[in-house]
């Protein structure tokens, strides 16, 4: 990852605007879904992605209390990192 250069970031009244590539992650159980949607929407990058990991808590770990069957969301961490790895590898 040491070859990532040229990330242009500008802070304007608390809004982070990234001008290269953006991946924004949210989870269906967080209070911050709309915040993450806004970060995605205002990102100036033409190459951006917004993802939501089913069954993940704010820390990406499985929400056990949300499961309808034992282990239903046990792969939330793996799903997140698999997606991010594929996303990064496609760009760098």
Protein backbone atom coordinates (compact mmCIF):
# COMPACT_ATOMS: atom_id res chain seq x y z
CA UNK A 1 0.00 0.00 0.00
CA UNK A 2 3.02 2.33 0.04
CA UNK A 3 2.34 3.17 -3.64
CA UNK A 4 -0.83 5.10 -2.89
CA UNK A 5 0.01 8.73 -3.63
CA UNK A 6 -1.84 11.85 -4.58
CA UNK A 7 -4.79 11.62 -2.23
CA UNK A 8 -6.12 15.16 -2.32
CA UNK A 9 -8.21 16.00 0.71
CA UNK A 10 -9.90 19.29 1.52
CA UNK A 11 -11.81 20.13 4.72
CA UNK A 12 -14.49 22.76 4.30
CA UNK A 13 -16.77 23.49 7.27
CA UNK A 14 -16.37 19.98 8.64
CA UNK A 15 -17.07 18.23 5.32
CA UNK A 16 -14.41 15.84 4.09
CA UNK A 17 -14.08 15.87 0.32
CA UNK A 18 -11.88 13.18 -1.17
CA UNK A 19 -10.98 13.70 -4.82
CA UNK A 20 -9.51 10.33 -5.83
CA UNK A 21 -11.17 7.07 -4.75
CA UNK A 22 -13.63 6.54 -1.90
CA UNK A 23 -15.15 3.55 -0.20
CA UNK A 24 -17.70 4.36 2.47
CA UNK A 25 -18.91 1.60 4.78
CA UNK A 26 -22.01 1.59 6.88
CA UNK A 27 -23.92 -1.08 8.68
CA UNK A 28 -27.64 -1.58 8.95
CA UNK A 29 -27.62 -1.31 12.76
CA UNK A 30 -25.71 1.94 13.21
CA UNK A 31 -27.05 5.37 13.99
CA UNK A 32 -24.64 6.73 11.38
CA UNK A 33 -26.14 5.38 8.16
CA UNK A 34 -27.25 8.81 6.95
CA UNK A 35 -23.90 10.33 7.95
CA UNK A 36 -22.10 7.75 5.84
CA UNK A 37 -24.50 8.34 2.94
CA UNK A 38 -23.71 12.05 3.12
CA UNK A 39 -19.95 11.36 3.13
CA UNK A 40 -20.46 9.24 0.02
CA UNK A 41 -22.68 11.80 -1.69
CA UNK A 42 -20.34 14.77 -1.15
CA UNK A 43 -17.16 12.92 -2.10
CA UNK A 44 -15.84 14.56 -5.25
CA UNK A 45 -14.34 11.30 -6.46
CA UNK A 46 -15.70 9.85 -9.69
CA UNK A 47 -14.68 6.40 -8.38
CA UNK A 48 -16.57 5.73 -5.18
CA UNK A 49 -18.55 2.96 -3.57
CA UNK A 50 -20.99 2.79 -0.67
CA UNK A 51 -21.40 -0.56 1.04
CA UNK A 52 -23.56 -1.92 3.83
CA UNK A 53 -22.65 -5.25 5.43
CA UNK A 54 -25.72 -7.29 6.31
CA UNK A 55 -25.82 -8.28 9.96
CA UNK A 56 -22.77 -6.22 10.93
CA UNK A 57 -22.53 -3.98 13.97
CA UNK A 58 -20.71 -0.64 13.94
CA UNK A 59 -17.45 -2.54 14.52
CA UNK A 60 -18.14 -4.90 11.59
CA UNK A 61 -18.62 -7.83 13.96
CA UNK A 62 -21.76 -9.98 13.70
CA UNK A 63 -24.91 -8.84 15.47
CA UNK A 64 -25.73 -12.06 17.29
CA UNK A 65 -28.93 -10.68 18.80
CA UNK A 66 -30.16 -9.86 15.28
CA UNK A 67 -29.78 -13.39 13.97
CA UNK A 68 -32.88 -15.43 13.25
CA UNK A 69 -30.75 -18.57 13.21
CA UNK A 70 -27.47 -19.21 15.06
CA UNK A 71 -24.46 -18.03 13.09
CA UNK A 72 -26.54 -16.29 10.43
CA UNK A 73 -24.22 -13.25 10.38
CA UNK A 74 -21.02 -14.97 11.50
CA UNK A 75 -19.33 -14.07 8.21
CA UNK A 76 -19.80 -10.27 8.47
CA UNK A 77 -16.11 -9.56 9.18
CA UNK A 78 -14.94 -11.84 6.36
CA UNK A 79 -17.48 -10.35 3.95
CA UNK A 80 -16.28 -6.84 4.76
CA UNK A 81 -12.56 -7.55 4.34
CA UNK A 82 -13.11 -9.68 1.23
CA UNK A 83 -15.05 -6.83 -0.37
CA UNK A 84 -12.49 -4.19 0.62
CA UNK A 85 -9.58 -6.34 -0.60
CA UNK A 86 -11.26 -6.87 -3.96
CA UNK A 87 -12.09 -3.15 -4.19
CA UNK A 88 -8.54 -2.03 -3.35
CA UNK A 89 -6.89 -4.62 -5.61
CA UNK A 90 -9.01 -3.47 -8.54
CA UNK A 91 -7.68 0.07 -8.11
CA UNK A 92 -4.11 -0.30 -6.91
